[in-house]
Each structure stands twice: as structure tokens, then as C-alpha cells.
Amino acid sequence: MSIGVTEIVIISAVCLSTAGVTLSGLAIWSRYNRSAAQGPGSGVVIRCLKGRMVDADSDFLHLLTQRGWDGSITRLRDFFAFRFRGLPSDFPGDEPTLDMTFVARNAADLVELHVVRRKDVLTVSLISPVGVPDVRDHVARYRKHTHWISDLVAQSSPHPIWVTDDCDEVIWANRAYLSLIRDLGHAGGDEVSILRGLDPARSLPDREQRRYQLTFSDGRPDCWVDVSTAARDGTLMHHATDVTAVVQAEAAQRTFVQTLTKTFAQLSTGLAIFDRTRRLALFNPALVDMTGLSAEYLSGRPSYLSFFDKLRDEDIMPEPRSYASWREKIFDLITAAENGRYQETWTLSSGHTYRVTGRPHPNGAVAFLVEDISAEVMLTRRFREQLDMSQTVIDSLDDAVAVFSPQGMLSYTNEAYRDLWGDPDERQTLDVSVNEVSRHWQSHSEPSPVWGDFRDFVVGFEERADWEASVQLRNGGMVDCLFRPLAGGASLAIFKSAQPARAVAYRGVG
């Protein structure tokens, strides 16, 4: 029996129909089995195998893609915590076997979140006692929630935020912006940008910010705002931050610096301040006068090594024996100044003497004070010369001399005094009280009321006059004493050895 073409076509069609019905039945049976395994009224949101997504609802997968999901399982919490309560921070956890159910935050919402892990398979589903939950509804709820959060953040922000189109018309603004534009008295309404017609008072290109000065219509002081702008899809979003306090602080700082500069300009002490980078940040005219360095050079903010090198070249500081050791000394100088313990006297070949002091400054800065003490040094030298000359004159006298200060302290003696009273070392005789000195005299003489009267004479406040007395020493000699008040409350005692004949007569009178 032969088979024609028609029969072959009919047989093929019947086979294909049978196969299609069979596949359809298998698919229905597979879906039925999966639904039966998950339970009635459930909808799979996402399924992961060994931490990697292998199945997901198409709407939920589209949401993950839009939100830039990085594939981390714990990041899934953000897409469910807004609706369901009690999700742990490490959602869903790392237990090998897991079966948890979370209820909705809203009591009227009957949908629950079901999380199941069996070995390496994690399944996140929505379950409901009434029908199969719609994952698309969950995605819509998430979008609505995030939109509400974004609007809440924008509207509750204390900083003005607004969006403008390519024509500089405001197409959206938050409450802070609307309040600001009303205070500014713009007649154009809410659609007018506060920046229209304003030029930035200061540009901050490193942060894409510009600073603007805003004037209020009710006479209040002007305010300052830093505005940052971001462009996207043909629109511009502006964020304004009130920096009035910052501007006022900067103005106060400039005024303070100007005041300090004027004050420093009147100082006779040279001032050089190096910042934390060790470059010259501030100097005054006195430094120019004392060092002879030009203002142009100092305004170039030289480093401290260059500064001291220049001082050395100009013979403003002592010439070092070794340049290498001098460089090390400069580093030590900075270190000492940072600790607040550097002070040195520079004696120059020109005859000037400078006292250089280093002091630490805030924020790592260092200040050097250069003071011309030439006159002070010269005065001290002259004073010492006069003292030496006076001491030489006193030592040349034959009579013993002792001078007491107004406080009753022994200030000066001469060689004749030390020979008379047995004090070989001048340093031991000075700066002792009149009580100790008079007791020493009394120990070398016979008992006499002279020493008590002399103590009262030195420390007394009444009007004083010259007086004389004679005292017999224990070695048999006689001493004539002359006590005389000096200017300023000081006292002078002069001792002269009596002539032998007078001494005999005196003893005879005794």
C-alpha cells in the first residue's frame, strides 16, 4: 500500500498537535506542582542559589536594575523593610535552614513576607490568605514610599532647594525656597529664581559652588548663600546653604588681622611669623628696619631657611664657624621655638645687639621676635664700669667703709673693711643683714651700746643725722666710727683706726 503526499501531511499535523498538547499539559502540571510546593496564595519575588540570583519576578527585577542593586543578598532588605516589620539588619541571615514570616507594618495590609532557605536555595515570597499577592503591587508600593521619603527630605530641609529649566524658570521648589523668596520680596512669584540678575560675589570652582549676596525687602541685614548646581536631563537643581555667619566671621577676622597689622606696625620689636609650612606669613616694618631686608623680599614669603640664609649673608646674625653646623643649628632653632624655649642674643660686628626669641603659635606656626637691646647692653656696660670704678675708688681708701641698703642689707665694702673685721672674701660679706653684720662687729670688740644704736639707725624711719662713736677692739686697738645717712634711705659706716696716743687717752677716760 502506497502513501501519498496528502496522507503524510495529515499524519505530521496530527503528531505536532499531539506534541503541543502534551507540552502544554506538562507546563501546567509543572506550575501546579511549584504552586503546590509553595502553598496557596503565594508569589515568588526572588530565588537565589548559593548567594546568586537564579529567578526573580520581572517587575521586581526591573526595580533592582533601576536602583543599581549590586547583587548582595543583604541589600534586599531595603526593598522589603519599608513594608514589613522586624527584618534583621543582616537580612536574611546565614543560617543553613531558615523559615521566617514577617507581617506588614500596616494592620490593614494582610500580605506577609515569607523567607525560606533549604541548603543553598533561598526563596523570598509574598503570601496572602486571599488570592495570590501581586508582586507588581509591591513594586508600586516601594516606588511610592521612596517618592514620599524623597519629598519629605526635600520639603523638611532647612536649606532652599529648587529646580529650573533651560529658561531659568523654576519648575519645582521646597518650602525653604518659597519662604526665602517671599522674604526677598520678589514680585515675579514662585517661578522666579532668586539668582536671576545676581552676579556671584565669590566663585568656588573646586566645589562647583558660588556665593551670592541676597538683599531683603524689609530692611533686614543682607544674607549670604553658597549655591551648588547640578545639571541633569536639561534641568538644573540648586542647593543653597546660608553662610551669613561664615561671611561675618571672615569679615571679623579680616578686621582683626588689620587691627593686629596696624598694632604690629607701631611696634619697635621686629616680628616674623612662619606658618605651618615654614614660610614667612607675617612681618612688620620694624623687621625691615632692623634687618635691612627689603619688603619685596619678605612679601615673597621666603622659607625659614632662606630667611636665615639672607640674614647671614647680610651680616644680621653672627657669622658661623661652620656652615654645615650652622644649618643644623637652624633646624634646632625651629624645634626650640616650637617648644617655646628659644632665646638667643646676637652680637653683631656693626655694634648692634639683638635679642631673638622664638615662640610657638597656633596651628603649627612659629613667631620670632627680634628686639634691639643695644642701648640696654650699653647702659648695662656703663653701669658695670661705674660700679667697678666706684669699687676701685672705695678700695683705694685707707678707712674701712661699709654701705647698707634701705632694707638694711650690706651692699658695699672695701679692702680696708675686710682687713679690719677679718672678712677675706668679699662675696661672703655682701647681702647680709645689719643684724648679722653688727653681731660680727660685736664679736670683735668689747661690749658697747654703739652696735644696737647703729642697727636702729640703719632700719629707722625717723629723720637721721651724722653721729660718731669710738669702740675698743678685743685686740686692744681703738676704732673711730662715723655713721652717716645717704640718699634714698641707705646708710654709710666709716671705721678709722685711732692714733695710739688717742687710744691711751680714751682708755684713761674709761
Protein backbone atom coordinates (compact mmCIF):
# COMPACT_ATOMS: atom_id res chain seq x y z
CA MET A 1 0.00 0.00 0.00
CA SER A 2 1.48 3.35 -1.02
CA ILE A 3 1.16 6.60 0.97
CA GLY A 4 0.70 9.84 -0.86
CA VAL A 5 1.74 13.36 -0.01
CA THR A 6 -1.67 14.20 1.43
CA GLU A 7 -1.52 11.39 3.91
CA ILE A 8 1.96 12.40 5.00
CA VAL A 9 0.83 15.98 5.69
CA ILE A 10 -2.15 14.79 7.71
CA ILE A 11 -0.02 12.42 9.80
CA SER A 12 2.54 15.20 10.51
CA ALA A 13 -0.15 17.63 11.60
CA VAL A 14 -1.64 15.09 13.99
CA CYS A 15 1.78 14.41 15.54
CA LEU A 16 2.55 18.08 16.04
CA SER A 17 -0.84 18.69 17.64
CA THR A 18 -0.33 15.78 19.99
CA ALA A 19 3.12 17.03 20.99
CA GLY A 20 1.82 20.54 21.66
CA VAL A 21 -0.96 19.29 23.85
CA THR A 22 1.49 17.14 25.73
CA LEU A 23 3.96 20.05 26.35
CA SER A 24 1.14 22.34 27.44
CA GLY A 25 0.00 19.74 29.88
CA LEU A 26 3.48 19.30 31.25
CA ALA A 27 3.90 23.09 31.73
CA ILE A 28 0.55 23.31 33.52
CA TRP A 29 1.48 20.36 35.65
CA SER A 30 4.89 21.91 36.47
CA ARG A 31 3.33 25.23 37.52
CA TYR A 32 0.78 23.36 39.56
CA ASN A 33 3.46 21.37 41.35
CA ARG A 34 5.52 24.51 42.08
CA SER A 35 2.46 26.34 43.42
CA ALA A 36 1.55 23.33 45.48
CA ALA A 37 5.06 23.23 46.93
CA GLN A 38 4.95 26.94 47.82
CA GLY A 39 1.48 26.84 49.27
CA PRO A 40 -1.73 28.54 48.20
CA GLY A 41 -1.78 32.35 47.83
CA SER A 42 1.99 32.85 47.40
CA GLY A 43 4.07 34.65 44.80
CA VAL A 44 7.83 34.20 44.41
CA VAL A 45 9.67 37.53 44.41
CA ILE A 46 13.24 36.26 44.07
CA ARG A 47 15.13 33.00 44.35
CA CYS A 48 18.89 32.71 44.94
CA LEU A 49 21.25 29.77 44.69
CA LYS A 50 24.48 29.97 46.72
CA GLY A 51 24.08 33.73 47.08
CA ARG A 52 23.39 34.37 43.38
CA MET A 53 20.02 35.24 41.89
CA VAL A 54 18.64 32.50 39.62
CA ASP A 55 15.00 33.54 39.36
CA ALA A 56 13.03 36.75 40.00
CA ASP A 57 9.75 38.40 39.17
CA SER A 58 10.18 40.56 36.08
CA ASP A 59 8.77 43.73 37.73
CA PHE A 60 10.95 43.24 40.81
CA LEU A 61 13.99 42.53 38.64
CA HIS A 62 13.36 45.75 36.73
CA LEU A 63 13.22 47.62 40.07
CA LEU A 64 16.52 46.10 41.18
CA THR A 65 18.13 47.15 37.92
CA GLN A 66 16.87 50.73 38.25
CA ARG A 67 18.11 51.01 41.84
CA GLY A 68 21.58 49.75 40.95
CA TRP A 69 21.38 46.59 43.03
CA ASP A 70 24.89 45.17 43.47
CA GLY A 71 23.77 41.54 43.82
CA SER A 72 24.29 41.49 47.60
CA ILE A 73 21.65 39.43 49.39
CA THR A 74 21.69 41.73 52.44
CA ARG A 75 20.82 44.69 50.18
CA LEU A 76 17.45 43.03 49.55
CA ARG A 77 16.38 44.24 52.98
CA ASP A 78 15.95 47.80 51.62
CA PHE A 79 13.23 46.57 49.24
CA PHE A 80 11.11 44.92 51.96
CA ALA A 81 11.80 46.71 55.28
CA PHE A 82 9.64 49.70 54.29
CA ARG A 83 6.56 47.42 54.25
CA PHE A 84 7.31 44.61 56.71
CA ARG A 85 8.47 44.97 60.29
CA GLY A 86 11.10 43.03 62.20
CA LEU A 87 13.59 42.37 59.40
CA PRO A 88 17.05 41.81 60.92
CA SER A 89 19.94 44.08 59.96
CA ASP A 90 21.77 41.13 58.35
CA PHE A 91 18.66 40.03 56.45
CA PRO A 92 18.10 37.25 55.67
CA GLY A 93 20.91 35.80 57.83
CA ASP A 94 23.35 32.97 57.22
CA GLU A 95 21.54 30.01 58.84
CA PRO A 96 21.60 26.91 56.59
CA THR A 97 17.93 26.23 57.34
CA LEU A 98 15.59 29.19 57.51
CA ASP A 99 11.82 29.65 57.60
CA MET A 100 10.63 33.10 58.70
CA THR A 101 7.49 35.13 58.19
CA PHE A 102 7.22 38.91 58.65
CA VAL A 103 3.93 40.79 58.95
CA ALA A 104 3.17 44.15 57.32
CA ARG A 105 3.56 47.42 59.23
CA ASN A 106 0.05 48.44 58.28
CA ALA A 107 -2.55 46.28 60.04
CA ALA A 108 -4.89 46.56 57.05
CA ASP A 109 -2.21 45.03 54.84
CA LEU A 110 -2.74 41.22 55.00
CA VAL A 111 0.25 40.32 52.85
CA GLU A 112 3.19 38.70 54.65
CA LEU A 113 6.81 38.19 53.68
CA HIS A 114 7.97 34.57 53.68
CA VAL A 115 11.69 33.74 53.64
CA VAL A 116 12.79 30.12 53.25
CA ARG A 117 16.27 28.65 52.91
CA ARG A 118 16.84 25.00 52.16
CA LYS A 119 20.54 24.25 51.91
CA ASP A 120 21.84 26.53 49.15
CA VAL A 121 18.46 27.76 47.87
CA LEU A 122 16.93 30.96 49.29
CA THR A 123 13.37 31.85 48.31
CA VAL A 124 11.68 35.14 49.17
CA SER A 125 7.92 35.12 48.60
CA LEU A 126 4.83 37.17 49.32
CA ILE A 127 1.95 35.22 50.83
CA SER A 128 -1.64 36.23 51.37
CA PRO A 129 -4.70 34.48 52.81
CA VAL A 130 -6.75 35.92 49.94
CA GLY A 131 -5.52 35.13 46.42
CA VAL A 132 -2.00 35.32 45.07
CA PRO A 133 -0.17 38.56 46.00
CA ASP A 134 0.73 40.80 43.11
CA VAL A 135 4.47 41.50 43.07
CA ARG A 136 3.77 44.44 40.80
CA ASP A 137 1.71 45.99 43.62
CA HIS A 138 4.66 45.55 45.98
CA VAL A 139 6.97 47.29 43.50
CA ALA A 140 4.46 50.14 43.16
CA ARG A 141 4.30 50.49 46.95
CA TYR A 142 8.11 50.68 47.11
CA ARG A 143 8.23 53.40 44.45
CA LYS A 144 5.52 55.36 46.24
CA HIS A 145 7.35 55.02 49.56
CA THR A 146 10.68 56.19 48.14
CA HIS A 147 8.96 59.09 46.44
CA TRP A 148 7.35 60.04 49.77
CA ILE A 149 10.72 59.83 51.55
CA SER A 150 12.39 61.97 48.90
CA ASP A 151 9.64 64.58 49.10
CA LEU A 152 9.80 64.54 52.92
CA VAL A 153 13.56 65.08 52.88
CA ALA A 154 13.35 67.90 50.35
CA GLN A 155 10.43 69.70 51.99
CA SER A 156 11.76 69.38 55.55
CA SER A 157 15.26 70.56 54.59
CA PRO A 158 16.15 73.93 56.16
CA HIS A 159 18.17 74.74 53.03
CA PRO A 160 16.43 76.17 49.94
CA ILE A 161 16.24 73.68 47.07
CA TRP A 162 14.78 74.46 43.63
CA VAL A 163 14.86 73.15 40.07
CA THR A 164 14.98 75.35 36.97
CA ASP A 165 14.59 74.59 33.29
CA ASP A 166 16.77 75.77 30.44
CA CYS A 167 14.95 79.14 30.50
CA ASP A 168 15.82 79.72 34.17
CA GLU A 169 12.19 79.22 35.20
CA VAL A 170 11.55 77.46 38.49
CA ILE A 171 9.65 74.21 37.92
CA TRP A 172 9.90 72.88 41.49
CA ALA A 173 10.91 74.27 44.89
CA ASN A 174 10.79 73.22 48.52
CA ARG A 175 9.27 75.12 51.43
CA ALA A 176 12.57 76.75 52.48
CA TYR A 177 12.95 78.25 48.99
CA LEU A 178 9.37 79.52 48.91
CA SER A 179 9.82 81.12 52.34
CA LEU A 180 13.09 82.74 51.22
CA ILE A 181 11.66 84.17 48.02
CA ARG A 182 8.75 85.69 49.94
CA ASP A 183 11.19 87.33 52.37
CA LEU A 184 13.17 88.70 49.45
CA GLY A 185 10.01 90.30 48.07
CA HIS A 186 10.24 89.01 44.50
CA ALA A 187 7.22 90.25 42.56
CA GLY A 188 7.53 87.55 39.91
CA GLY A 189 6.20 84.84 42.18
CA ASP A 190 7.39 81.35 42.92
CA GLU A 191 8.56 80.73 39.37
CA VAL A 192 11.34 83.34 39.68
CA SER A 193 14.83 82.14 40.54
CA ILE A 194 16.48 84.09 43.37
CA LEU A 195 19.69 84.10 41.35
CA ARG A 196 18.21 85.96 38.42
CA GLY A 197 20.15 89.16 37.85
CA LEU A 198 22.71 88.39 40.54
CA ASP A 199 26.43 88.01 39.96
CA PRO A 200 28.33 85.69 42.27
CA ALA A 201 30.39 87.56 44.83
CA ARG A 202 32.76 84.65 45.01
CA SER A 203 33.29 81.52 42.95
CA LEU A 204 34.39 78.25 44.46
CA PRO A 205 35.32 76.16 41.43
CA ASP A 206 36.78 73.35 43.50
CA ARG A 207 33.30 72.57 44.79
CA GLU A 208 31.21 73.90 41.89
CA GLN A 209 29.78 76.48 44.25
CA ARG A 210 29.16 80.19 44.00
CA ARG A 211 28.46 82.67 46.75
CA TYR A 212 25.67 85.21 46.40
CA GLN A 213 24.57 88.19 48.46
CA LEU A 214 20.79 88.43 48.95
CA THR A 215 19.00 91.62 49.99
CA PHE A 216 15.73 91.50 51.94
CA SER A 217 12.90 93.86 51.13
CA ASP A 218 12.02 94.59 54.78
CA GLY A 219 15.37 96.17 55.60
CA ARG A 220 16.90 93.21 57.39
CA PRO A 221 20.66 92.74 57.06
CA ASP A 222 21.74 91.03 53.87
CA CYS A 223 22.35 87.32 53.91
CA TRP A 224 24.88 85.24 52.02
CA VAL A 225 24.34 81.83 50.47
CA ASP A 226 26.60 79.29 48.80
CA VAL A 227 24.73 77.75 45.87
CA SER A 228 25.73 74.42 44.33
CA THR A 229 24.17 73.46 40.99
CA ALA A 230 23.82 70.06 39.32
CA ALA A 231 22.60 69.58 35.72
CA ARG A 232 20.56 66.58 34.59
CA ASP A 233 18.24 65.92 31.65
CA GLY A 234 18.07 69.58 30.68
CA THR A 235 17.23 70.82 34.19
CA LEU A 236 19.30 72.42 36.92
CA MET A 237 18.94 71.56 40.60
CA HIS A 238 20.16 74.23 43.01
CA HIS A 239 21.02 73.80 46.71
CA ALA A 240 21.57 76.94 48.78
CA THR A 241 23.34 76.98 52.16
CA ASP A 242 23.17 80.01 54.42
CA VAL A 243 26.77 81.11 55.10
CA THR A 244 25.99 84.53 56.60
CA ALA A 245 27.70 83.57 59.86
CA VAL A 246 30.75 82.41 57.90
CA VAL A 247 30.92 85.66 55.91
CA GLN A 248 30.56 87.71 59.09
CA ALA A 249 33.28 85.66 60.78
CA GLU A 250 35.58 86.17 57.77
CA ALA A 251 34.90 89.92 57.87
CA ALA A 252 35.59 89.99 61.62
CA GLN A 253 38.78 88.04 61.04
CA ARG A 254 39.94 90.47 58.36
CA THR A 255 39.20 93.39 60.65
CA PHE A 256 41.08 91.70 63.47
CA VAL A 257 44.05 90.99 61.22
CA GLN A 258 44.06 94.60 60.03
CA THR A 259 43.97 95.77 63.64
CA LEU A 260 46.84 93.45 64.51
CA THR A 261 48.75 94.62 61.45
CA LYS A 262 48.34 98.25 62.49
CA THR A 263 49.41 97.33 66.01
CA PHE A 264 52.42 95.39 64.78
CA ALA A 265 53.36 98.32 62.55
CA GLN A 266 53.76 100.50 65.65
CA LEU A 267 55.97 98.02 67.48
CA SER A 268 59.68 98.70 67.75
CA THR A 269 60.29 94.96 68.02
CA GLY A 270 60.76 93.08 64.74
CA LEU A 271 58.18 90.33 64.17
CA ALA A 272 58.43 87.37 61.77
CA ILE A 273 55.72 84.67 61.81
CA PHE A 274 56.22 81.45 59.85
CA ASP A 275 53.17 79.29 59.10
CA ARG A 276 52.94 75.53 59.41
CA THR A 277 54.70 75.10 56.04
CA ARG A 278 57.59 77.18 57.47
CA ARG A 279 57.10 80.08 55.08
CA LEU A 280 57.02 83.70 56.20
CA ALA A 281 53.37 84.63 56.70
CA LEU A 282 53.55 87.96 58.53
CA PHE A 283 56.15 90.62 59.27
CA ASN A 284 56.14 94.24 60.42
CA PRO A 285 58.07 97.36 59.35
CA ALA A 286 60.39 97.11 62.36
CA LEU A 287 61.76 93.85 60.98
CA VAL A 288 62.58 95.62 57.71
CA ASP A 289 64.36 98.43 59.56
CA MET A 290 66.34 96.13 61.85
CA THR A 291 67.40 93.51 59.29
CA GLY A 292 67.74 95.72 56.24
CA LEU A 293 65.85 93.12 54.18
CA SER A 294 63.61 94.61 51.51
CA ALA A 295 59.85 94.49 51.86
CA GLU A 296 59.67 92.93 48.38
CA TYR A 297 61.81 90.00 49.51
CA LEU A 298 59.81 89.47 52.70
CA SER A 299 56.50 89.77 50.80
CA GLY A 300 57.63 86.85 48.63
CA ARG A 301 57.08 84.58 51.65
CA PRO A 302 60.56 83.03 51.84
CA SER A 303 61.10 79.79 53.72
CA TYR A 304 62.72 80.00 57.12
CA LEU A 305 65.99 78.57 55.79
CA SER A 306 66.06 81.16 53.02
CA PHE A 307 65.19 83.85 55.58
CA PHE A 308 68.06 82.96 57.92
CA ASP A 309 70.40 82.45 54.98
CA LYS A 310 69.60 86.00 53.93
CA LEU A 311 70.23 87.29 57.45
CA ARG A 312 73.60 85.55 57.43
CA ASP A 313 74.51 86.99 54.03
CA GLU A 314 73.56 90.49 55.20
CA ASP A 315 75.61 90.08 58.39
CA ILE A 316 72.49 90.44 60.54
CA MET A 317 73.29 87.34 62.57
CA PRO A 318 76.64 86.14 63.93
CA GLU A 319 78.90 84.52 61.33
CA PRO A 320 79.10 80.78 61.99
CA ARG A 321 82.41 78.95 62.03
CA SER A 322 80.94 76.02 60.08
CA TYR A 323 78.13 76.48 57.57
CA ALA A 324 77.02 72.82 57.91
CA SER A 325 76.82 73.03 61.68
CA TRP A 326 75.05 76.37 61.32
CA ARG A 327 72.39 74.72 59.14
CA GLU A 328 71.85 72.09 61.83
CA LYS A 329 71.63 74.87 64.38
CA ILE A 330 68.85 76.50 62.34
CA PHE A 331 66.85 73.27 62.46
CA ASP A 332 67.43 73.13 66.21
CA LEU A 333 66.36 76.75 66.40
CA ILE A 334 62.99 75.98 64.80
CA THR A 335 62.50 72.96 67.06
CA ALA A 336 63.30 75.03 70.13
CA ALA A 337 60.90 77.77 69.01
CA GLU A 338 58.16 75.20 68.52
CA ASN A 339 58.63 74.19 72.15
CA GLY A 340 58.65 77.83 73.26
CA ARG A 341 62.15 77.82 74.75
CA TYR A 342 64.36 79.55 72.19
CA GLN A 343 66.11 82.77 73.19
CA GLU A 344 69.48 84.00 71.99
CA THR A 345 71.48 87.21 71.92
CA TRP A 346 73.14 88.17 68.66
CA THR A 347 76.13 90.49 68.96
CA LEU A 348 76.87 91.89 65.51
CA SER A 349 80.01 93.37 64.06
CA SER A 350 78.13 96.61 63.46
CA GLY A 351 77.91 97.15 67.21
CA HIS A 352 74.24 96.30 67.48
CA THR A 353 72.95 93.64 69.84
CA TYR A 354 69.69 91.81 69.11
CA ARG A 355 67.72 89.56 71.41
CA VAL A 356 65.93 86.90 69.33
CA THR A 357 63.07 84.97 70.92
CA GLY A 358 61.11 82.09 69.38
CA ARG A 359 57.54 81.37 70.41
CA PRO A 360 55.06 78.71 69.21
CA HIS A 361 51.89 79.94 67.51
CA PRO A 362 48.53 78.19 66.94
CA ASN A 363 48.16 75.70 64.07
CA GLY A 364 51.84 74.86 64.00
CA ALA A 365 53.10 78.39 63.26
CA VAL A 366 56.25 79.86 64.84
CA ALA A 367 56.87 83.52 65.71
CA PHE A 368 60.29 85.14 66.07
CA LEU A 369 60.72 88.42 67.94
CA VAL A 370 63.82 90.47 67.17
CA GLU A 371 64.49 93.18 69.76
CA ASP A 372 67.25 95.74 69.56
CA ILE A 373 68.85 95.81 73.02
CA SER A 374 71.95 97.74 72.01
CA ALA A 375 71.07 100.70 74.26
CA GLU A 376 70.25 98.39 77.14
CA VAL A 377 73.51 96.49 76.75
CA MET A 378 75.46 99.73 76.52
CA LEU A 379 73.74 101.11 79.60
CA THR A 380 74.47 97.88 81.48
CA ARG A 381 78.10 98.03 80.46
CA ARG A 382 78.40 101.64 81.57
CA PHE A 383 76.71 100.83 84.84
CA ARG A 384 79.11 97.95 85.42
CA GLU A 385 82.04 100.18 84.56
CA GLN A 386 80.84 102.78 87.04
CA LEU A 387 80.41 100.10 89.67
CA ASP A 388 83.89 98.79 89.02
CA MET A 389 85.27 102.33 89.16
CA SER A 390 83.40 103.05 92.38
CA GLN A 391 84.66 99.82 93.88
CA THR A 392 88.20 100.71 92.85
CA VAL A 393 87.88 104.15 94.48
CA ILE A 394 86.47 102.67 97.66
CA ASP A 395 89.20 100.04 97.80
CA SER A 396 91.84 102.78 97.50
CA LEU A 397 90.67 104.43 100.73
CA ASP A 398 92.61 103.80 103.94
CA ASP A 399 89.48 103.89 106.07
CA ALA A 400 87.17 100.84 106.26
CA VAL A 401 83.86 101.57 104.50
CA ALA A 402 80.53 99.69 104.60
CA VAL A 403 77.33 100.75 102.83
CA PHE A 404 73.88 99.41 103.78
CA SER A 405 70.80 99.47 101.58
CA PRO A 406 67.49 100.98 102.77
CA GLN A 407 66.39 97.41 103.60
CA GLY A 408 69.33 97.00 105.98
CA MET A 409 71.45 94.74 103.73
CA LEU A 410 75.21 95.18 103.38
CA SER A 411 75.88 96.34 99.80
CA TYR A 412 79.48 97.55 99.53
CA THR A 413 82.73 97.07 101.42
CA ASN A 414 86.37 97.77 100.65
CA GLU A 415 89.65 96.03 101.31
CA ALA A 416 90.33 98.10 104.44
CA TYR A 417 86.99 96.93 105.87
CA ARG A 418 87.77 93.28 105.18
CA ASP A 419 91.21 93.68 106.76
CA LEU A 420 89.74 95.36 109.83
CA TRP A 421 86.92 92.94 110.52
CA GLY A 422 88.58 89.75 109.29
CA ASP A 423 86.49 89.07 106.15
CA PRO A 424 88.89 87.93 103.43
CA ASP A 425 86.17 87.12 100.84
CA GLU A 426 84.05 89.99 99.62
CA ARG A 427 81.29 87.69 98.34
CA GLN A 428 80.71 86.33 101.86
CA THR A 429 80.36 89.80 103.36
CA LEU A 430 77.70 91.15 100.97
CA ASP A 431 73.94 90.68 101.05
CA VAL A 432 73.78 90.01 104.77
CA SER A 433 71.55 91.89 107.19
CA VAL A 434 72.68 94.64 109.53
CA ASN A 435 71.86 92.37 112.49
CA GLU A 436 74.34 89.72 111.33
CA VAL A 437 76.97 92.32 110.44
CA SER A 438 76.64 94.13 113.80
CA ARG A 439 76.89 90.82 115.68
CA HIS A 440 80.08 90.11 113.74
CA TRP A 441 81.44 93.54 114.72
CA GLN A 442 80.41 92.99 118.33
CA SER A 443 82.26 89.64 118.41
CA HIS A 444 85.49 91.51 117.54
CA SER A 445 85.02 94.37 120.05
CA GLU A 446 84.43 94.98 123.71
CA PRO A 447 80.80 95.26 124.88
CA SER A 448 79.31 98.57 123.69
CA PRO A 449 75.83 100.08 123.07
CA VAL A 450 77.09 101.51 119.76
CA TRP A 451 76.08 98.47 117.70
CA GLY A 452 72.50 98.46 118.95
CA ASP A 453 72.18 102.18 118.20
CA PHE A 454 73.63 101.56 114.75
CA ARG A 455 71.04 98.86 113.99
CA ASP A 456 68.25 101.26 114.90
CA PHE A 457 69.93 103.96 112.80
CA VAL A 458 70.04 101.75 109.65
CA VAL A 459 66.44 100.50 109.77
CA GLY A 460 64.86 103.56 111.34
CA PHE A 461 62.31 105.76 109.56
CA GLU A 462 62.78 108.95 111.57
CA GLU A 463 64.92 111.82 110.38
CA ARG A 464 68.56 110.85 110.68
CA ALA A 465 71.82 112.79 111.15
CA ASP A 466 75.51 112.05 111.24
CA TRP A 467 76.90 110.72 114.51
CA GLU A 468 80.23 109.42 115.78
CA ALA A 469 81.40 106.89 118.30
CA SER A 470 84.54 105.04 119.37
CA VAL A 471 84.82 101.34 120.05
CA GLN A 472 87.59 99.34 121.66
CA LEU A 473 88.54 96.13 119.88
CA ARG A 474 89.35 92.89 121.65
CA ASN A 475 92.94 93.07 120.34
CA GLY A 476 93.41 96.30 122.28
CA GLY A 477 93.05 98.75 119.39
CA MET A 478 90.56 101.60 119.12
CA VAL A 479 88.27 102.35 116.16
CA ASP A 480 86.61 105.69 115.49
CA CYS A 481 83.19 105.20 113.85
CA LEU A 482 81.33 107.65 111.66
CA PHE A 483 77.74 106.82 110.72
CA ARG A 484 76.10 108.90 108.00
CA PRO A 485 72.68 108.69 106.27
CA LEU A 486 72.74 108.52 102.46
CA ALA A 487 70.14 109.43 99.83
CA GLY A 488 67.29 107.01 99.33
CA GLY A 489 67.44 105.57 102.85
CA ALA A 490 70.90 103.99 102.56
CA SER A 491 73.46 104.21 105.35
CA LEU A 492 77.26 104.61 105.43
CA ALA A 493 79.63 103.35 108.10
CA ILE A 494 83.28 104.53 108.18
CA PHE A 495 85.80 102.96 110.54
CA LYS A 496 89.19 104.59 111.21
CA SER A 497 91.84 103.15 113.44
CA ALA A 498 92.56 105.61 116.27
CA GLN A 499 96.04 107.03 116.88
CA PRO A 500 97.88 105.27 119.70
CA ALA A 501 98.06 108.39 121.86
CA ARG A 502 94.35 108.98 121.49
CA ALA A 503 93.69 105.38 122.21
CA VAL A 504 95.64 105.66 125.52
CA ALA A 505 93.78 108.81 126.49
CA TYR A 506 90.47 107.16 125.67
CA ARG A 507 91.28 104.19 127.83
CA GLY A 508 92.30 106.54 130.55
CA VAL A 509 88.96 108.33 130.44
CA GLY A 510 87.25 104.95 130.60
